[in-house]
């Protein structure tokens, strides 16, 4: 019968080479950008829907507090209209939050990949730090933050990028991937 049935991918292919071992988050760039955009979009949509329901409910009550219904039928139509307003307003809030969350993170991941390409397919923490610096600087310019606030935001953004880049490099190294400074300095 069947003495040796291959049960793992390594036994089936006969190879231990992982084609994605040098990629960030163990995903190819297109997959990584799509995953980040989808995840942040869904999270932004959920947060926007939740906030939109709360805000629009309170707003509807404030706008109609002077003319609350007095009969059962009036309350029925009051809540029917209130639910309609809550749904439409929360969808608007959700879409705005979806864009607000996914656009900067999509730009961050795309810029990180662009720096990887510009530097000759070199994947390391420097590209992540530079991307975080540019995105946080753009955030400060867009929101017209004061100098002290901008300095703090750019510093925190850059430190976040540095930490994220070092974590990604560590994960690549643990998967058996090549990181130039680890190979050069035998860390």
N, C-alpha and C. Protein backbone atom coordinates (compact mmCIF):
# COMPACT_ATOMS: atom_id res chain seq x y z
N UNK A 1 0.83 -1.17 0.00
CA UNK A 1 0.00 0.00 0.00
C UNK A 1 0.88 1.25 0.00
N UNK A 2 0.40 2.26 0.64
CA UNK A 2 1.13 3.52 0.67
C UNK A 2 1.93 3.60 1.96
N UNK A 3 3.24 3.41 1.82
CA UNK A 3 4.09 3.44 3.00
C UNK A 3 4.36 4.88 3.45
N UNK A 4 4.79 5.72 2.52
CA UNK A 4 5.14 7.10 2.86
C UNK A 4 4.22 8.06 2.12
N UNK A 5 3.24 8.56 2.80
CA UNK A 5 2.35 9.56 2.22
C UNK A 5 2.82 10.92 2.70
N UNK A 6 3.18 11.82 1.76
CA UNK A 6 3.64 13.15 2.20
C UNK A 6 2.49 13.92 2.85
N UNK A 7 2.79 14.48 4.02
CA UNK A 7 1.73 15.19 4.74
C UNK A 7 2.04 16.67 4.94
N UNK A 8 3.25 17.10 4.69
CA UNK A 8 3.58 18.52 4.83
C UNK A 8 3.98 19.08 3.48
N UNK A 9 3.97 20.40 3.38
CA UNK A 9 4.32 21.05 2.12
C UNK A 9 5.78 20.79 1.76
N UNK A 10 6.64 20.70 2.76
CA UNK A 10 8.06 20.44 2.49
C UNK A 10 8.24 19.05 1.91
N UNK A 11 7.52 18.07 2.44
CA UNK A 11 7.62 16.71 1.92
C UNK A 11 7.04 16.61 0.52
N UNK A 12 6.00 17.36 0.22
CA UNK A 12 5.38 17.30 -1.10
C UNK A 12 6.27 17.94 -2.15
N UNK A 13 6.79 19.14 -1.88
CA UNK A 13 7.60 19.85 -2.87
C UNK A 13 9.06 19.42 -2.82
N UNK A 14 9.51 18.91 -1.70
CA UNK A 14 10.89 18.50 -1.58
C UNK A 14 11.82 19.69 -1.38
N UNK A 15 11.29 20.85 -1.07
CA UNK A 15 12.12 22.03 -0.93
C UNK A 15 11.78 22.74 0.37
N UNK A 16 12.78 23.34 0.97
CA UNK A 16 12.56 24.08 2.20
C UNK A 16 12.65 25.59 1.96
N UNK A 17 12.73 26.01 0.71
CA UNK A 17 12.86 27.42 0.39
C UNK A 17 11.49 28.09 0.45
N UNK A 18 11.42 29.14 1.21
CA UNK A 18 10.19 29.93 1.32
C UNK A 18 10.33 31.14 0.40
N UNK A 19 9.52 31.25 -0.64
CA UNK A 19 9.69 32.37 -1.57
C UNK A 19 9.34 33.72 -0.94
N UNK A 20 8.60 33.73 0.15
CA UNK A 20 8.22 34.99 0.78
C UNK A 20 9.07 35.31 2.02
N UNK A 21 10.16 34.59 2.23
CA UNK A 21 10.91 34.78 3.48
C UNK A 21 11.53 36.16 3.59
N UNK A 22 11.78 36.85 2.47
CA UNK A 22 12.37 38.18 2.52
C UNK A 22 11.34 39.30 2.44
N UNK A 23 10.07 38.98 2.49
CA UNK A 23 9.02 40.00 2.34
C UNK A 23 8.54 40.49 3.71
N UNK A 24 8.10 41.73 3.73
CA UNK A 24 7.53 42.31 4.95
C UNK A 24 6.20 41.62 5.27
N UNK A 25 5.97 41.33 6.53
CA UNK A 25 4.76 40.68 7.01
C UNK A 25 4.47 39.37 6.29
N UNK A 26 5.49 38.80 5.67
CA UNK A 26 5.40 37.52 4.95
C UNK A 26 4.37 37.58 3.84
N UNK A 27 4.22 38.76 3.23
CA UNK A 27 3.29 38.96 2.12
C UNK A 27 4.01 39.71 1.01
N UNK A 28 3.66 39.38 -0.23
CA UNK A 28 4.18 40.15 -1.36
C UNK A 28 3.59 41.56 -1.30
N UNK A 29 4.26 42.54 -1.90
CA UNK A 29 3.80 43.93 -1.77
C UNK A 29 2.34 44.15 -2.16
N UNK A 30 1.89 43.57 -3.26
CA UNK A 30 0.50 43.76 -3.67
C UNK A 30 -0.46 43.19 -2.62
N UNK A 31 -0.15 42.00 -2.14
CA UNK A 31 -0.99 41.37 -1.11
C UNK A 31 -0.98 42.19 0.18
N UNK A 32 0.21 42.71 0.53
CA UNK A 32 0.35 43.48 1.76
C UNK A 32 -0.46 44.78 1.69
N UNK A 33 -0.37 45.48 0.56
CA UNK A 33 -1.11 46.73 0.40
C UNK A 33 -2.61 46.46 0.43
N UNK A 34 -3.04 45.42 -0.27
CA UNK A 34 -4.47 45.08 -0.27
C UNK A 34 -4.96 44.71 1.13
N UNK A 35 -4.16 43.93 1.85
CA UNK A 35 -4.56 43.51 3.20
C UNK A 35 -4.64 44.69 4.15
N UNK A 36 -3.66 45.59 4.09
CA UNK A 36 -3.67 46.77 4.96
C UNK A 36 -4.85 47.67 4.63
N UNK A 37 -5.08 47.92 3.33
CA UNK A 37 -6.20 48.78 2.93
C UNK A 37 -7.54 48.18 3.35
N UNK A 38 -7.69 46.88 3.14
CA UNK A 38 -8.96 46.23 3.50
C UNK A 38 -9.18 46.26 5.01
N UNK A 39 -8.16 45.91 5.76
CA UNK A 39 -8.30 45.87 7.22
C UNK A 39 -8.58 47.25 7.80
N UNK A 40 -7.79 48.24 7.39
CA UNK A 40 -8.00 49.57 7.94
C UNK A 40 -9.32 50.17 7.46
N UNK A 41 -9.72 49.83 6.24
CA UNK A 41 -11.01 50.30 5.75
C UNK A 41 -12.16 49.73 6.56
N UNK A 42 -12.10 48.44 6.85
CA UNK A 42 -13.17 47.82 7.64
C UNK A 42 -13.19 48.33 9.08
N UNK A 43 -12.01 48.51 9.66
CA UNK A 43 -11.94 49.05 11.02
C UNK A 43 -12.48 50.48 11.04
N UNK A 44 -12.07 51.29 10.06
CA UNK A 44 -12.57 52.66 9.98
C UNK A 44 -14.07 52.71 9.76
N UNK A 45 -14.58 51.80 8.93
CA UNK A 45 -16.02 51.75 8.69
C UNK A 45 -16.77 51.39 9.98
N UNK A 46 -16.26 50.41 10.71
CA UNK A 46 -16.92 50.00 11.96
C UNK A 46 -16.90 51.12 12.99
N UNK A 47 -15.76 51.78 13.13
CA UNK A 47 -15.68 52.89 14.09
C UNK A 47 -16.59 54.03 13.67
N UNK A 48 -16.61 54.34 12.38
CA UNK A 48 -17.47 55.41 11.88
C UNK A 48 -18.94 55.10 12.05
N UNK A 49 -19.32 53.85 11.80
CA UNK A 49 -20.72 53.46 12.00
C UNK A 49 -21.13 53.61 13.47
N UNK A 50 -20.27 53.15 14.35
CA UNK A 50 -20.57 53.23 15.79
C UNK A 50 -20.70 54.69 16.23
N UNK A 51 -19.70 55.50 15.88
CA UNK A 51 -19.74 56.91 16.26
C UNK A 51 -20.91 57.63 15.59
N UNK A 52 -21.17 57.30 14.33
CA UNK A 52 -22.25 57.95 13.60
C UNK A 52 -23.61 57.68 14.21
N UNK A 53 -23.82 56.46 14.68
CA UNK A 53 -25.10 56.12 15.32
C UNK A 53 -25.27 56.94 16.60
N UNK A 54 -24.22 57.00 17.42
CA UNK A 54 -24.32 57.75 18.67
C UNK A 54 -24.56 59.24 18.42
N UNK A 55 -23.78 59.82 17.52
CA UNK A 55 -23.88 61.25 17.27
C UNK A 55 -25.22 61.61 16.62
N UNK A 56 -25.62 60.83 15.62
CA UNK A 56 -26.88 61.17 14.93
C UNK A 56 -28.09 60.94 15.82
N UNK A 57 -28.03 59.97 16.72
CA UNK A 57 -29.13 59.75 17.65
C UNK A 57 -29.28 60.94 18.59
N UNK A 58 -28.16 61.40 19.14
CA UNK A 58 -28.21 62.55 20.04
C UNK A 58 -28.63 63.81 19.29
N UNK A 59 -28.14 63.97 18.06
CA UNK A 59 -28.51 65.14 17.27
C UNK A 59 -30.00 65.14 16.94
N UNK A 60 -30.53 63.97 16.58
CA UNK A 60 -31.96 63.89 16.26
C UNK A 60 -32.81 64.23 17.48
N UNK A 61 -32.40 63.73 18.64
CA UNK A 61 -33.14 64.06 19.86
C UNK A 61 -33.07 65.55 20.15
N UNK A 62 -31.88 66.15 19.99
CA UNK A 62 -31.73 67.59 20.25
C UNK A 62 -32.56 68.42 19.28
N UNK A 63 -32.62 68.00 18.02
CA UNK A 63 -33.38 68.76 17.04
C UNK A 63 -34.88 68.63 17.23
N UNK A 64 -35.33 67.53 17.82
CA UNK A 64 -36.77 67.29 17.95
C UNK A 64 -37.26 67.29 19.39
N UNK A 65 -36.45 67.76 20.32
CA UNK A 65 -36.83 67.74 21.73
C UNK A 65 -38.01 68.66 22.03
N UNK A 66 -38.18 69.69 21.23
CA UNK A 66 -39.26 70.63 21.49
C UNK A 66 -40.61 70.14 20.97
N UNK A 67 -40.60 69.06 20.20
CA UNK A 67 -41.87 68.56 19.64
C UNK A 67 -41.96 67.04 19.73
N UNK A 68 -41.73 66.51 20.88
CA UNK A 68 -41.82 65.06 21.08
C UNK A 68 -43.28 64.61 20.94
N UNK A 69 -43.49 63.41 20.41
CA UNK A 69 -44.86 62.92 20.23
C UNK A 69 -45.57 62.68 21.56
N UNK A 70 -46.88 62.70 21.49
CA UNK A 70 -47.68 62.48 22.70
C UNK A 70 -48.52 61.21 22.61
N UNK A 71 -48.67 60.66 21.41
CA UNK A 71 -49.50 59.46 21.21
C UNK A 71 -48.62 58.29 20.77
N UNK A 72 -49.16 57.10 20.87
CA UNK A 72 -48.43 55.88 20.51
C UNK A 72 -48.03 55.91 19.04
N UNK A 73 -48.94 56.30 18.18
CA UNK A 73 -48.63 56.37 16.75
C UNK A 73 -47.55 57.38 16.45
N UNK A 74 -47.55 58.47 17.18
CA UNK A 74 -46.51 59.49 17.00
C UNK A 74 -45.14 58.96 17.37
N UNK A 75 -45.08 58.19 18.45
CA UNK A 75 -43.80 57.60 18.86
C UNK A 75 -43.31 56.59 17.81
N UNK A 76 -44.23 55.87 17.21
CA UNK A 76 -43.85 54.91 16.17
C UNK A 76 -43.14 55.64 15.04
N UNK A 77 -43.73 56.71 14.53
CA UNK A 77 -43.13 57.45 13.41
C UNK A 77 -41.88 58.21 13.84
N UNK A 78 -41.85 58.66 15.09
CA UNK A 78 -40.66 59.32 15.62
C UNK A 78 -39.46 58.37 15.55
N UNK A 79 -39.64 57.15 16.07
CA UNK A 79 -38.53 56.18 16.07
C UNK A 79 -38.22 55.67 14.68
N UNK A 80 -39.23 55.56 13.83
CA UNK A 80 -39.00 55.13 12.45
C UNK A 80 -38.11 56.15 11.74
N UNK A 81 -38.43 57.41 11.87
CA UNK A 81 -37.64 58.48 11.26
C UNK A 81 -36.26 58.55 11.91
N UNK A 82 -36.21 58.39 13.23
CA UNK A 82 -34.93 58.44 13.94
C UNK A 82 -34.01 57.32 13.46
N UNK A 83 -34.53 56.12 13.29
CA UNK A 83 -33.72 55.00 12.81
C UNK A 83 -33.21 55.27 11.40
N UNK A 84 -34.05 55.83 10.55
CA UNK A 84 -33.63 56.16 9.19
C UNK A 84 -32.50 57.18 9.22
N UNK A 85 -32.65 58.21 10.01
CA UNK A 85 -31.62 59.25 10.11
C UNK A 85 -30.33 58.66 10.68
N UNK A 86 -30.45 57.81 11.69
CA UNK A 86 -29.26 57.19 12.29
C UNK A 86 -28.51 56.34 11.28
N UNK A 87 -29.24 55.57 10.47
CA UNK A 87 -28.58 54.70 9.49
C UNK A 87 -27.88 55.53 8.42
N UNK A 88 -28.57 56.51 7.87
CA UNK A 88 -27.95 57.30 6.79
C UNK A 88 -26.76 58.11 7.30
N UNK A 89 -26.90 58.72 8.47
CA UNK A 89 -25.79 59.51 9.01
C UNK A 89 -24.61 58.63 9.41
N UNK A 90 -24.90 57.46 9.96
CA UNK A 90 -23.80 56.58 10.37
C UNK A 90 -23.06 56.04 9.15
N UNK A 91 -23.75 55.81 8.05
CA UNK A 91 -23.06 55.39 6.82
C UNK A 91 -22.14 56.50 6.32
N UNK A 92 -22.58 57.75 6.40
CA UNK A 92 -21.71 58.86 6.00
C UNK A 92 -20.48 58.94 6.90
N UNK A 93 -20.70 58.82 8.21
CA UNK A 93 -19.58 58.82 9.15
C UNK A 93 -18.65 57.64 8.88
N UNK A 94 -19.23 56.48 8.60
CA UNK A 94 -18.43 55.28 8.36
C UNK A 94 -17.56 55.40 7.13
N UNK A 95 -18.10 55.94 6.06
CA UNK A 95 -17.31 56.10 4.83
C UNK A 95 -16.20 57.12 5.04
N UNK A 96 -16.50 58.21 5.75
CA UNK A 96 -15.46 59.21 6.03
C UNK A 96 -14.35 58.60 6.88
N UNK A 97 -14.72 57.83 7.90
CA UNK A 97 -13.71 57.20 8.75
C UNK A 97 -12.92 56.15 8.00
N UNK A 98 -13.59 55.43 7.12
CA UNK A 98 -12.91 54.43 6.29
C UNK A 98 -11.81 55.08 5.47
N UNK A 99 -12.13 56.19 4.83
CA UNK A 99 -11.14 56.91 4.03
C UNK A 99 -10.07 57.52 4.93
N UNK A 100 -10.48 58.07 6.06
CA UNK A 100 -9.55 58.72 6.97
C UNK A 100 -8.51 57.74 7.52
N UNK A 101 -8.89 56.49 7.71
CA UNK A 101 -7.97 55.50 8.26
C UNK A 101 -7.16 54.81 7.16
N UNK A 102 -7.82 54.43 6.07
CA UNK A 102 -7.13 53.61 5.08
C UNK A 102 -6.21 54.42 4.17
N UNK A 103 -6.52 55.68 3.91
CA UNK A 103 -5.68 56.47 3.01
C UNK A 103 -4.26 56.68 3.55
N UNK A 104 -4.08 57.16 4.79
CA UNK A 104 -2.70 57.33 5.27
C UNK A 104 -1.94 56.01 5.40
N UNK A 105 -2.61 54.97 5.86
CA UNK A 105 -1.90 53.69 6.01
C UNK A 105 -1.58 53.06 4.66
N UNK A 106 -2.49 53.22 3.70
CA UNK A 106 -2.20 52.75 2.35
C UNK A 106 -1.02 53.50 1.74
N UNK A 107 -0.98 54.82 1.96
CA UNK A 107 0.15 55.62 1.48
C UNK A 107 1.44 55.20 2.18
N UNK A 108 1.36 54.92 3.47
CA UNK A 108 2.54 54.49 4.23
C UNK A 108 3.11 53.20 3.66
N UNK A 109 2.27 52.20 3.46
CA UNK A 109 2.75 50.91 2.97
C UNK A 109 3.24 51.04 1.52
N UNK A 110 2.56 51.83 0.71
CA UNK A 110 2.99 52.02 -0.68
C UNK A 110 4.31 52.77 -0.74
N UNK A 111 4.47 53.78 0.11
CA UNK A 111 5.72 54.54 0.15
C UNK A 111 6.86 53.66 0.63
N UNK A 112 6.59 52.81 1.59
CA UNK A 112 7.58 51.85 2.08
C UNK A 112 8.05 50.94 0.95
N UNK A 113 7.10 50.44 0.16
CA UNK A 113 7.44 49.59 -0.98
C UNK A 113 8.21 50.37 -2.04
N UNK A 114 7.83 51.63 -2.26
CA UNK A 114 8.54 52.46 -3.24
C UNK A 114 9.99 52.66 -2.82
N UNK A 115 10.23 52.91 -1.53
CA UNK A 115 11.60 53.03 -1.04
C UNK A 115 12.36 51.72 -1.18
N UNK A 116 11.67 50.59 -0.97
CA UNK A 116 12.31 49.29 -1.18
C UNK A 116 12.80 49.17 -2.62
N UNK A 117 11.96 49.57 -3.57
CA UNK A 117 12.33 49.49 -4.99
C UNK A 117 13.45 50.46 -5.34
N UNK A 118 13.36 51.69 -4.84
CA UNK A 118 14.37 52.70 -5.15
C UNK A 118 15.74 52.27 -4.65
N UNK A 119 15.79 51.64 -3.51
CA UNK A 119 17.06 51.20 -2.94
C UNK A 119 17.50 49.83 -3.45
N UNK A 120 16.97 49.40 -4.57
CA UNK A 120 17.42 48.14 -5.17
C UNK A 120 16.87 46.93 -4.47
N UNK A 121 15.60 46.94 -4.14
CA UNK A 121 14.92 45.83 -3.47
C UNK A 121 15.55 45.51 -2.11
N UNK A 122 16.03 46.56 -1.44
CA UNK A 122 16.59 46.41 -0.10
C UNK A 122 15.48 46.63 0.91
N UNK A 123 15.14 45.59 1.63
CA UNK A 123 14.07 45.67 2.63
C UNK A 123 14.71 45.75 4.00
N UNK A 124 14.56 46.91 4.65
CA UNK A 124 15.08 47.08 6.00
C UNK A 124 14.32 48.18 6.72
N UNK A 125 14.74 48.45 7.95
CA UNK A 125 14.01 49.40 8.79
C UNK A 125 14.15 50.85 8.33
N UNK A 126 15.17 51.16 7.54
CA UNK A 126 15.36 52.54 7.08
C UNK A 126 14.20 53.00 6.19
N UNK A 127 13.73 52.12 5.33
CA UNK A 127 12.61 52.47 4.45
C UNK A 127 11.33 52.70 5.26
N UNK A 128 11.11 51.88 6.27
CA UNK A 128 9.93 52.03 7.11
C UNK A 128 10.00 53.33 7.90
N UNK A 129 11.18 53.65 8.42
CA UNK A 129 11.34 54.88 9.18
C UNK A 129 11.15 56.11 8.30
N UNK A 130 11.71 56.08 7.09
CA UNK A 130 11.56 57.21 6.17
C UNK A 130 10.09 57.38 5.76
N UNK A 131 9.40 56.29 5.52
CA UNK A 131 7.98 56.36 5.16
C UNK A 131 7.16 56.95 6.31
N UNK A 132 7.44 56.51 7.52
CA UNK A 132 6.71 57.03 8.68
C UNK A 132 7.00 58.52 8.88
N UNK A 133 8.25 58.92 8.65
CA UNK A 133 8.61 60.34 8.77
C UNK A 133 7.84 61.18 7.76
N UNK A 134 7.77 60.73 6.52
CA UNK A 134 7.08 61.49 5.47
C UNK A 134 5.58 61.55 5.74
N UNK A 135 4.99 60.43 6.11
CA UNK A 135 3.54 60.41 6.36
C UNK A 135 3.20 61.27 7.58
N UNK A 136 3.99 61.19 8.65
CA UNK A 136 3.69 62.02 9.82
C UNK A 136 3.93 63.50 9.53
N UNK A 137 4.91 63.83 8.70
CA UNK A 137 5.11 65.22 8.29
C UNK A 137 3.95 65.71 7.45
N UNK A 138 3.47 64.87 6.55
CA UNK A 138 2.30 65.23 5.75
C UNK A 138 1.06 65.42 6.61
N UNK A 139 0.90 64.59 7.62
CA UNK A 139 -0.23 64.74 8.55
C UNK A 139 -0.17 66.09 9.25
N UNK A 140 1.03 66.45 9.71
CA UNK A 140 1.19 67.73 10.41
C UNK A 140 0.91 68.90 9.48
N UNK A 141 1.38 68.82 8.25
CA UNK A 141 1.15 69.91 7.29
C UNK A 141 -0.33 70.00 6.93
N UNK A 142 -0.98 68.87 6.74
CA UNK A 142 -2.40 68.87 6.37
C UNK A 142 -3.28 69.46 7.48
N UNK A 143 -2.97 69.12 8.72
CA UNK A 143 -3.76 69.61 9.85
C UNK A 143 -3.27 70.93 10.42
N UNK A 144 -2.21 71.49 9.83
CA UNK A 144 -1.66 72.79 10.24
C UNK A 144 -1.37 72.83 11.74
N UNK A 145 -0.61 71.86 12.20
CA UNK A 145 -0.27 71.80 13.62
C UNK A 145 0.77 72.86 13.96
N UNK A 146 0.78 73.28 15.21
CA UNK A 146 1.79 74.21 15.70
C UNK A 146 3.15 73.51 15.68
N UNK A 147 4.21 74.30 15.73
CA UNK A 147 5.56 73.76 15.62
C UNK A 147 5.84 72.71 16.69
N UNK A 148 5.48 72.99 17.93
CA UNK A 148 5.77 72.03 19.00
C UNK A 148 4.95 70.75 18.83
N UNK A 149 3.69 70.90 18.43
CA UNK A 149 2.87 69.71 18.17
C UNK A 149 3.41 68.93 16.99
N UNK A 150 3.81 69.65 15.94
CA UNK A 150 4.34 68.98 14.75
C UNK A 150 5.63 68.23 15.08
N UNK A 151 6.49 68.86 15.86
CA UNK A 151 7.75 68.20 16.22
C UNK A 151 7.48 66.92 16.99
N UNK A 152 6.55 66.98 17.93
CA UNK A 152 6.20 65.80 18.72
C UNK A 152 5.57 64.71 17.85
N UNK A 153 4.67 65.12 16.95
CA UNK A 153 4.00 64.14 16.08
C UNK A 153 4.98 63.48 15.13
N UNK A 154 5.88 64.27 14.55
CA UNK A 154 6.87 63.70 13.62
C UNK A 154 7.84 62.79 14.37
N UNK A 155 8.25 63.19 15.57
CA UNK A 155 9.15 62.35 16.36
C UNK A 155 8.48 61.03 16.72
N UNK A 156 7.24 61.09 17.19
CA UNK A 156 6.53 59.86 17.54
C UNK A 156 6.27 58.99 16.32
N UNK A 157 5.92 59.62 15.20
CA UNK A 157 5.71 58.86 13.96
C UNK A 157 6.98 58.18 13.49
N UNK A 158 8.09 58.91 13.57
CA UNK A 158 9.37 58.33 13.14
C UNK A 158 9.81 57.20 14.07
N UNK A 159 9.62 57.39 15.37
CA UNK A 159 9.96 56.32 16.31
C UNK A 159 9.07 55.09 16.10
N UNK A 160 7.79 55.33 15.80
CA UNK A 160 6.91 54.21 15.49
C UNK A 160 7.40 53.48 14.24
N UNK A 161 7.81 54.23 13.21
CA UNK A 161 8.33 53.62 11.99
C UNK A 161 9.61 52.84 12.25
N UNK A 162 10.48 53.40 13.10
CA UNK A 162 11.72 52.70 13.45
C UNK A 162 11.41 51.39 14.16
N UNK A 163 10.51 51.45 15.14
CA UNK A 163 10.14 50.23 15.87
C UNK A 163 9.50 49.20 14.97
N UNK A 164 8.57 49.64 14.12
CA UNK A 164 7.91 48.73 13.19
C UNK A 164 8.91 48.10 12.23
N UNK A 165 9.84 48.93 11.72
CA UNK A 165 10.85 48.41 10.80
C UNK A 165 11.76 47.39 11.46
N UNK A 166 12.17 47.65 12.69
CA UNK A 166 13.03 46.69 13.39
C UNK A 166 12.29 45.40 13.69
N UNK A 167 11.02 45.49 14.04
CA UNK A 167 10.22 44.28 14.27
C UNK A 167 10.09 43.48 12.98
N UNK A 168 9.84 44.17 11.86
CA UNK A 168 9.73 43.47 10.57
C UNK A 168 11.05 42.81 10.20
N UNK A 169 12.17 43.52 10.43
CA UNK A 169 13.48 42.93 10.14
C UNK A 169 13.74 41.71 11.01
N UNK A 170 13.36 41.78 12.27
CA UNK A 170 13.53 40.63 13.16
C UNK A 170 12.73 39.43 12.66
N UNK A 171 11.48 39.68 12.25
CA UNK A 171 10.65 38.58 11.75
C UNK A 171 11.21 38.00 10.46
N UNK A 172 11.72 38.84 9.57
CA UNK A 172 12.33 38.35 8.33
C UNK A 172 13.55 37.50 8.67
N UNK A 173 14.38 37.98 9.59
CA UNK A 173 15.58 37.24 9.98
C UNK A 173 15.22 35.89 10.61
N UNK A 174 14.19 35.85 11.45
CA UNK A 174 13.79 34.60 12.07
C UNK A 174 13.22 33.60 11.07
N UNK A 175 12.67 34.09 9.95
CA UNK A 175 12.16 33.20 8.90
C UNK A 175 13.28 32.70 8.00
N UNK A 176 14.48 33.21 8.19
CA UNK A 176 15.59 32.78 7.36
C UNK A 176 15.85 33.72 6.20
N UNK A 177 15.28 34.91 6.23
CA UNK A 177 15.47 35.89 5.17
C UNK A 177 16.78 36.64 5.35
N UNK A 178 17.11 37.45 4.36
CA UNK A 178 18.36 38.20 4.36
C UNK A 178 18.10 39.65 4.75
N UNK A 179 18.79 40.09 5.78
CA UNK A 179 18.80 41.49 6.19
C UNK A 179 20.25 41.94 6.10
N UNK A 180 20.51 43.00 5.30
CA UNK A 180 21.89 43.35 4.97
C UNK A 180 22.74 43.69 6.19
N UNK A 181 22.22 44.43 7.15
CA UNK A 181 23.05 44.83 8.29
C UNK A 181 23.29 43.67 9.25
N UNK A 182 22.37 42.72 9.30
CA UNK A 182 22.60 41.54 10.14
C UNK A 182 23.67 40.65 9.50
N UNK A 183 23.61 40.51 8.17
CA UNK A 183 24.61 39.70 7.48
C UNK A 183 25.99 40.36 7.49
N UNK A 184 26.03 41.69 7.32
CA UNK A 184 27.31 42.39 7.25
C UNK A 184 28.01 42.43 8.60
N UNK A 185 27.26 42.72 9.67
CA UNK A 185 27.87 42.89 10.98
C UNK A 185 27.75 41.65 11.86
N UNK A 186 27.21 40.56 11.33
CA UNK A 186 27.05 39.29 12.06
C UNK A 186 26.38 39.48 13.42
N UNK A 187 25.25 40.16 13.39
CA UNK A 187 24.51 40.42 14.63
C UNK A 187 23.76 39.17 15.02
